[in-house]
Amino acid sequence: MHEGRPNTLDVHVDATDDRLIIRPVGEIDLSTSPTLRASLQTALSGGTCPVFVNLAAVPYMDSSGVATLVEALQICRRAKRDLSLVQLTDRVLSIFTISKLDTVFTICDDMNC
């Protein structure tokens, strides 16, 4: 968290007939991952269309954020839904690469994956 400002996370959910797009905005860490988790659980509670988590507006993510996304992936797999992570910043992508989770998640530059 950057000093001088509170760490908040906004999560925007856009559902269409053929896709669900989830756009977190802000840093995802121990204090904000519960917000993301609650939004994901609500958004994933029904439907079968592919899920895209757009991380373009997430400059930082710690292990609690990664764990939240792993949980979302498990929910999607149980429901036979595809989940893709899109537009990761270099800093966030490095977390998935170092942990080898880039082999578990579908990670794309845009939503055409």
N, C-alpha and C. Protein backbone atom coordinates (compact mmCIF):
# COMPACT_ATOMS: atom_id res chain seq x y z
N MET A 1 0.85 -1.17 0.00
CA MET A 1 0.00 0.00 0.00
C MET A 1 0.89 1.23 0.00
N HIS A 2 0.47 2.22 -0.75
CA HIS A 2 1.23 3.47 -0.78
C HIS A 2 0.84 4.32 0.41
N GLU A 3 1.84 4.94 1.01
CA GLU A 3 1.56 5.78 2.18
C GLU A 3 0.77 7.01 1.75
N GLY A 4 -0.07 7.48 2.65
CA GLY A 4 -0.79 8.71 2.41
C GLY A 4 -2.17 8.52 1.81
N ARG A 5 -2.50 7.32 1.40
CA ARG A 5 -3.85 7.09 0.88
C ARG A 5 -4.32 5.71 1.31
N PRO A 6 -5.60 5.60 1.60
CA PRO A 6 -6.11 4.30 2.01
C PRO A 6 -6.12 3.35 0.81
N ASN A 7 -5.96 2.09 1.08
CA ASN A 7 -5.98 1.09 0.02
C ASN A 7 -7.41 0.62 -0.18
N THR A 8 -7.97 0.97 -1.32
CA THR A 8 -9.33 0.56 -1.63
C THR A 8 -9.32 -0.20 -2.95
N LEU A 9 -10.32 -1.02 -3.14
CA LEU A 9 -10.46 -1.78 -4.36
C LEU A 9 -11.89 -1.66 -4.84
N ASP A 10 -12.05 -1.25 -6.08
CA ASP A 10 -13.37 -1.25 -6.72
C ASP A 10 -13.39 -2.41 -7.69
N VAL A 11 -14.51 -3.10 -7.75
CA VAL A 11 -14.64 -4.23 -8.68
C VAL A 11 -15.86 -3.97 -9.55
N HIS A 12 -15.61 -3.85 -10.85
CA HIS A 12 -16.68 -3.62 -11.81
C HIS A 12 -17.00 -4.94 -12.50
N VAL A 13 -18.28 -5.26 -12.59
CA VAL A 13 -18.71 -6.51 -13.21
C VAL A 13 -19.63 -6.16 -14.38
N ASP A 14 -19.26 -6.64 -15.57
CA ASP A 14 -20.07 -6.43 -16.77
C ASP A 14 -20.45 -7.80 -17.32
N ALA A 15 -21.74 -8.07 -17.35
CA ALA A 15 -22.21 -9.35 -17.86
C ALA A 15 -22.96 -9.14 -19.16
N THR A 16 -22.61 -9.93 -20.16
CA THR A 16 -23.34 -9.95 -21.42
C THR A 16 -23.80 -11.38 -21.63
N ASP A 17 -24.46 -11.61 -22.75
CA ASP A 17 -24.96 -12.97 -23.03
C ASP A 17 -23.82 -13.95 -23.24
N ASP A 18 -22.67 -13.46 -23.71
CA ASP A 18 -21.61 -14.40 -24.08
C ASP A 18 -20.34 -14.29 -23.25
N ARG A 19 -20.28 -13.37 -22.26
CA ARG A 19 -19.10 -13.29 -21.42
C ARG A 19 -19.38 -12.49 -20.15
N LEU A 20 -18.56 -12.79 -19.15
CA LEU A 20 -18.61 -12.07 -17.88
C LEU A 20 -17.24 -11.42 -17.72
N ILE A 21 -17.22 -10.10 -17.58
CA ILE A 21 -15.96 -9.38 -17.43
C ILE A 21 -15.91 -8.77 -16.04
N ILE A 22 -14.85 -9.09 -15.31
CA ILE A 22 -14.66 -8.58 -13.96
C ILE A 22 -13.41 -7.70 -13.99
N ARG A 23 -13.57 -6.43 -13.58
CA ARG A 23 -12.47 -5.47 -13.64
C ARG A 23 -12.18 -4.90 -12.25
N PRO A 24 -11.24 -5.48 -11.53
CA PRO A 24 -10.82 -4.85 -10.27
C PRO A 24 -9.97 -3.61 -10.57
N VAL A 25 -10.14 -2.60 -9.75
CA VAL A 25 -9.37 -1.36 -9.91
C VAL A 25 -8.74 -1.03 -8.57
N GLY A 26 -7.41 -1.13 -8.51
CA GLY A 26 -6.68 -0.84 -7.29
C GLY A 26 -5.76 -1.99 -6.94
N GLU A 27 -5.06 -1.84 -5.84
CA GLU A 27 -4.13 -2.87 -5.39
C GLU A 27 -4.90 -4.00 -4.70
N ILE A 28 -4.46 -5.22 -4.95
CA ILE A 28 -5.10 -6.38 -4.33
C ILE A 28 -4.12 -6.96 -3.33
N ASP A 29 -4.45 -6.81 -2.06
CA ASP A 29 -3.60 -7.32 -0.99
C ASP A 29 -4.48 -7.87 0.12
N LEU A 30 -3.88 -8.15 1.26
CA LEU A 30 -4.61 -8.77 2.36
C LEU A 30 -5.84 -7.96 2.78
N SER A 31 -5.75 -6.64 2.69
CA SER A 31 -6.87 -5.81 3.14
C SER A 31 -7.97 -5.69 2.09
N THR A 32 -7.65 -5.89 0.81
CA THR A 32 -8.65 -5.72 -0.24
C THR A 32 -9.09 -7.02 -0.90
N SER A 33 -8.35 -8.10 -0.70
CA SER A 33 -8.74 -9.35 -1.35
C SER A 33 -10.12 -9.85 -0.92
N PRO A 34 -10.58 -9.60 0.32
CA PRO A 34 -11.96 -10.01 0.64
C PRO A 34 -13.01 -9.32 -0.24
N THR A 35 -12.76 -8.07 -0.64
CA THR A 35 -13.67 -7.37 -1.55
C THR A 35 -13.72 -8.08 -2.89
N LEU A 36 -12.55 -8.45 -3.41
CA LEU A 36 -12.49 -9.16 -4.68
C LEU A 36 -13.16 -10.52 -4.54
N ARG A 37 -12.87 -11.23 -3.47
CA ARG A 37 -13.45 -12.57 -3.26
C ARG A 37 -14.98 -12.49 -3.24
N ALA A 38 -15.55 -11.55 -2.52
CA ALA A 38 -17.00 -11.41 -2.44
C ALA A 38 -17.60 -11.08 -3.81
N SER A 39 -16.94 -10.19 -4.54
CA SER A 39 -17.44 -9.83 -5.88
C SER A 39 -17.38 -11.01 -6.82
N LEU A 40 -16.29 -11.77 -6.78
CA LEU A 40 -16.16 -12.94 -7.64
C LEU A 40 -17.19 -14.00 -7.30
N GLN A 41 -17.38 -14.27 -6.01
CA GLN A 41 -18.35 -15.29 -5.61
C GLN A 41 -19.75 -14.93 -6.08
N THR A 42 -20.11 -13.66 -5.95
CA THR A 42 -21.43 -13.21 -6.40
C THR A 42 -21.55 -13.33 -7.92
N ALA A 43 -20.54 -12.85 -8.62
CA ALA A 43 -20.57 -12.86 -10.08
C ALA A 43 -20.57 -14.27 -10.66
N LEU A 44 -19.91 -15.19 -9.98
CA LEU A 44 -19.77 -16.55 -10.49
C LEU A 44 -20.88 -17.49 -10.02
N SER A 45 -21.84 -16.95 -9.29
CA SER A 45 -22.86 -17.82 -8.68
C SER A 45 -23.81 -18.44 -9.68
N GLY A 46 -23.85 -17.95 -10.88
CA GLY A 46 -24.72 -18.54 -11.90
C GLY A 46 -24.14 -18.29 -13.27
N GLY A 47 -24.67 -18.97 -14.24
CA GLY A 47 -24.23 -18.75 -15.61
C GLY A 47 -23.20 -19.76 -16.07
N THR A 48 -22.99 -19.76 -17.36
CA THR A 48 -22.06 -20.70 -17.96
C THR A 48 -21.09 -20.03 -18.93
N CYS A 49 -21.25 -18.74 -19.17
CA CYS A 49 -20.41 -18.07 -20.16
C CYS A 49 -18.98 -17.92 -19.64
N PRO A 50 -18.02 -17.73 -20.55
CA PRO A 50 -16.63 -17.54 -20.15
C PRO A 50 -16.45 -16.32 -19.25
N VAL A 51 -15.47 -16.40 -18.36
CA VAL A 51 -15.18 -15.33 -17.41
C VAL A 51 -13.82 -14.73 -17.75
N PHE A 52 -13.78 -13.41 -17.82
CA PHE A 52 -12.53 -12.69 -18.06
C PHE A 52 -12.29 -11.77 -16.87
N VAL A 53 -11.14 -11.91 -16.23
CA VAL A 53 -10.75 -11.01 -15.15
C VAL A 53 -9.70 -10.07 -15.73
N ASN A 54 -10.11 -8.82 -15.95
CA ASN A 54 -9.24 -7.83 -16.57
C ASN A 54 -8.45 -7.14 -15.45
N LEU A 55 -7.14 -7.36 -15.45
CA LEU A 55 -6.28 -6.84 -14.37
C LEU A 55 -5.45 -5.63 -14.80
N ALA A 56 -5.89 -4.94 -15.85
CA ALA A 56 -5.15 -3.79 -16.37
C ALA A 56 -5.00 -2.68 -15.33
N ALA A 57 -5.99 -2.54 -14.45
CA ALA A 57 -5.98 -1.46 -13.46
C ALA A 57 -5.53 -1.94 -12.08
N VAL A 58 -4.78 -3.05 -12.06
CA VAL A 58 -4.25 -3.58 -10.80
C VAL A 58 -2.72 -3.47 -10.85
N PRO A 59 -2.18 -2.45 -10.18
CA PRO A 59 -0.73 -2.26 -10.23
C PRO A 59 0.05 -3.20 -9.33
N TYR A 60 -0.62 -3.78 -8.33
CA TYR A 60 0.06 -4.62 -7.35
C TYR A 60 -0.89 -5.70 -6.87
N MET A 61 -0.36 -6.91 -6.67
CA MET A 61 -1.13 -8.00 -6.10
C MET A 61 -0.21 -8.85 -5.24
N ASP A 62 -0.67 -9.21 -4.05
CA ASP A 62 0.13 -10.09 -3.20
C ASP A 62 -0.46 -11.50 -3.25
N SER A 63 0.06 -12.38 -2.40
CA SER A 63 -0.36 -13.78 -2.43
C SER A 63 -1.83 -13.97 -2.08
N SER A 64 -2.41 -13.07 -1.29
CA SER A 64 -3.83 -13.22 -0.97
C SER A 64 -4.69 -12.96 -2.21
N GLY A 65 -4.26 -12.05 -3.06
CA GLY A 65 -4.96 -11.81 -4.32
C GLY A 65 -4.84 -13.00 -5.25
N VAL A 66 -3.65 -13.58 -5.32
CA VAL A 66 -3.44 -14.76 -6.14
C VAL A 66 -4.32 -15.90 -5.63
N ALA A 67 -4.37 -16.09 -4.33
CA ALA A 67 -5.20 -17.15 -3.74
C ALA A 67 -6.68 -16.93 -4.08
N THR A 68 -7.12 -15.69 -4.09
CA THR A 68 -8.50 -15.38 -4.44
C THR A 68 -8.79 -15.76 -5.89
N LEU A 69 -7.84 -15.50 -6.78
CA LEU A 69 -8.03 -15.86 -8.18
C LEU A 69 -7.98 -17.38 -8.38
N VAL A 70 -7.15 -18.07 -7.61
CA VAL A 70 -7.11 -19.53 -7.68
C VAL A 70 -8.46 -20.10 -7.24
N GLU A 71 -9.03 -19.52 -6.19
CA GLU A 71 -10.35 -19.95 -5.73
C GLU A 71 -11.40 -19.73 -6.82
N ALA A 72 -11.34 -18.59 -7.50
CA ALA A 72 -12.28 -18.31 -8.59
C ALA A 72 -12.11 -19.31 -9.73
N LEU A 73 -10.87 -19.66 -10.02
CA LEU A 73 -10.61 -20.65 -11.07
C LEU A 73 -11.22 -22.00 -10.69
N GLN A 74 -11.10 -22.39 -9.43
CA GLN A 74 -11.69 -23.65 -8.97
C GLN A 74 -13.21 -23.63 -9.09
N ILE A 75 -13.82 -22.50 -8.73
CA ILE A 75 -15.28 -22.36 -8.87
C ILE A 75 -15.68 -22.52 -10.33
N CYS A 76 -14.93 -21.88 -11.22
CA CYS A 76 -15.24 -21.97 -12.65
C CYS A 76 -15.05 -23.39 -13.17
N ARG A 77 -14.01 -24.04 -12.77
CA ARG A 77 -13.76 -25.40 -13.25
C ARG A 77 -14.87 -26.35 -12.80
N ARG A 78 -15.32 -26.19 -11.56
CA ARG A 78 -16.43 -27.04 -11.07
C ARG A 78 -17.69 -26.80 -11.90
N ALA A 79 -17.88 -25.56 -12.35
CA ALA A 79 -19.06 -25.21 -13.14
C ALA A 79 -18.82 -25.38 -14.64
N LYS A 80 -17.64 -25.91 -15.00
CA LYS A 80 -17.26 -26.10 -16.41
C LYS A 80 -17.28 -24.78 -17.19
N ARG A 81 -16.77 -23.74 -16.54
CA ARG A 81 -16.66 -22.42 -17.17
C ARG A 81 -15.19 -22.12 -17.38
N ASP A 82 -14.90 -21.39 -18.46
CA ASP A 82 -13.54 -20.94 -18.72
C ASP A 82 -13.29 -19.65 -17.96
N LEU A 83 -12.09 -19.51 -17.39
CA LEU A 83 -11.69 -18.27 -16.74
C LEU A 83 -10.34 -17.86 -17.32
N SER A 84 -10.26 -16.61 -17.78
CA SER A 84 -9.02 -16.09 -18.33
C SER A 84 -8.65 -14.80 -17.60
N LEU A 85 -7.35 -14.62 -17.40
CA LEU A 85 -6.83 -13.37 -16.85
C LEU A 85 -6.31 -12.57 -18.04
N VAL A 86 -6.71 -11.30 -18.13
CA VAL A 86 -6.32 -10.49 -19.28
C VAL A 86 -5.70 -9.18 -18.85
N GLN A 87 -4.82 -8.68 -19.70
CA GLN A 87 -4.18 -7.38 -19.56
C GLN A 87 -3.47 -7.19 -18.23
N LEU A 88 -2.67 -8.18 -17.85
CA LEU A 88 -1.91 -8.07 -16.61
C LEU A 88 -0.78 -7.07 -16.77
N THR A 89 -0.55 -6.27 -15.75
CA THR A 89 0.61 -5.40 -15.75
C THR A 89 1.85 -6.28 -15.60
N ASP A 90 3.00 -5.76 -15.97
CA ASP A 90 4.24 -6.54 -15.87
C ASP A 90 4.48 -7.03 -14.44
N ARG A 91 4.21 -6.16 -13.48
CA ARG A 91 4.45 -6.51 -12.08
C ARG A 91 3.56 -7.67 -11.63
N VAL A 92 2.30 -7.62 -12.02
CA VAL A 92 1.37 -8.68 -11.63
C VAL A 92 1.67 -9.96 -12.42
N LEU A 93 1.98 -9.82 -13.69
CA LEU A 93 2.32 -11.00 -14.50
C LEU A 93 3.53 -11.73 -13.92
N SER A 94 4.49 -10.98 -13.40
CA SER A 94 5.69 -11.62 -12.85
C SER A 94 5.35 -12.52 -11.67
N ILE A 95 4.34 -12.17 -10.89
CA ILE A 95 3.92 -13.01 -9.76
C ILE A 95 3.44 -14.36 -10.27
N PHE A 96 2.65 -14.35 -11.34
CA PHE A 96 2.13 -15.60 -11.90
C PHE A 96 3.24 -16.41 -12.57
N THR A 97 4.19 -15.72 -13.17
CA THR A 97 5.30 -16.41 -13.83
C THR A 97 6.23 -17.06 -12.82
N ILE A 98 6.62 -16.30 -11.79
CA ILE A 98 7.53 -16.82 -10.78
C ILE A 98 6.93 -18.01 -10.04
N SER A 99 5.64 -17.94 -9.77
CA SER A 99 4.97 -19.03 -9.05
C SER A 99 4.53 -20.17 -9.96
N LYS A 100 4.81 -20.04 -11.25
CA LYS A 100 4.44 -21.04 -12.26
C LYS A 100 2.93 -21.15 -12.46
N LEU A 101 2.17 -20.19 -11.94
CA LEU A 101 0.72 -20.21 -12.13
C LEU A 101 0.34 -19.78 -13.54
N ASP A 102 1.31 -19.29 -14.30
CA ASP A 102 1.02 -18.96 -15.70
C ASP A 102 0.78 -20.24 -16.51
N THR A 103 1.11 -21.39 -15.93
CA THR A 103 0.81 -22.67 -16.58
C THR A 103 -0.55 -23.22 -16.15
N VAL A 104 -1.14 -22.61 -15.13
CA VAL A 104 -2.44 -23.05 -14.61
C VAL A 104 -3.56 -22.18 -15.17
N PHE A 105 -3.32 -20.87 -15.21
CA PHE A 105 -4.30 -19.91 -15.71
C PHE A 105 -4.11 -19.68 -17.20
N THR A 106 -5.20 -19.35 -17.87
CA THR A 106 -5.12 -18.81 -19.22
C THR A 106 -4.88 -17.31 -19.06
N ILE A 107 -3.74 -16.84 -19.57
CA ILE A 107 -3.37 -15.43 -19.45
C ILE A 107 -3.23 -14.87 -20.85
N CYS A 108 -3.95 -13.77 -21.12
CA CYS A 108 -4.00 -13.21 -22.46
C CYS A 108 -3.76 -11.70 -22.42
N ASP A 109 -3.33 -11.18 -23.58
CA ASP A 109 -3.11 -9.74 -23.70
C ASP A 109 -4.44 -8.99 -23.86
N ASP A 110 -5.45 -9.67 -24.40
CA ASP A 110 -6.76 -9.03 -24.59
C ASP A 110 -7.84 -10.10 -24.45
N MET A 111 -9.08 -9.72 -24.67
CA MET A 111 -10.18 -10.66 -24.43
C MET A 111 -10.50 -11.50 -25.66
N ASN A 112 -9.57 -11.62 -26.58
CA ASN A 112 -9.77 -12.47 -27.75
C ASN A 112 -9.06 -13.80 -27.59
N CYS A 113 -9.00 -14.30 -26.36
CA CYS A 113 -8.30 -15.57 -26.16
C CYS A 113 -9.26 -16.71 -25.92
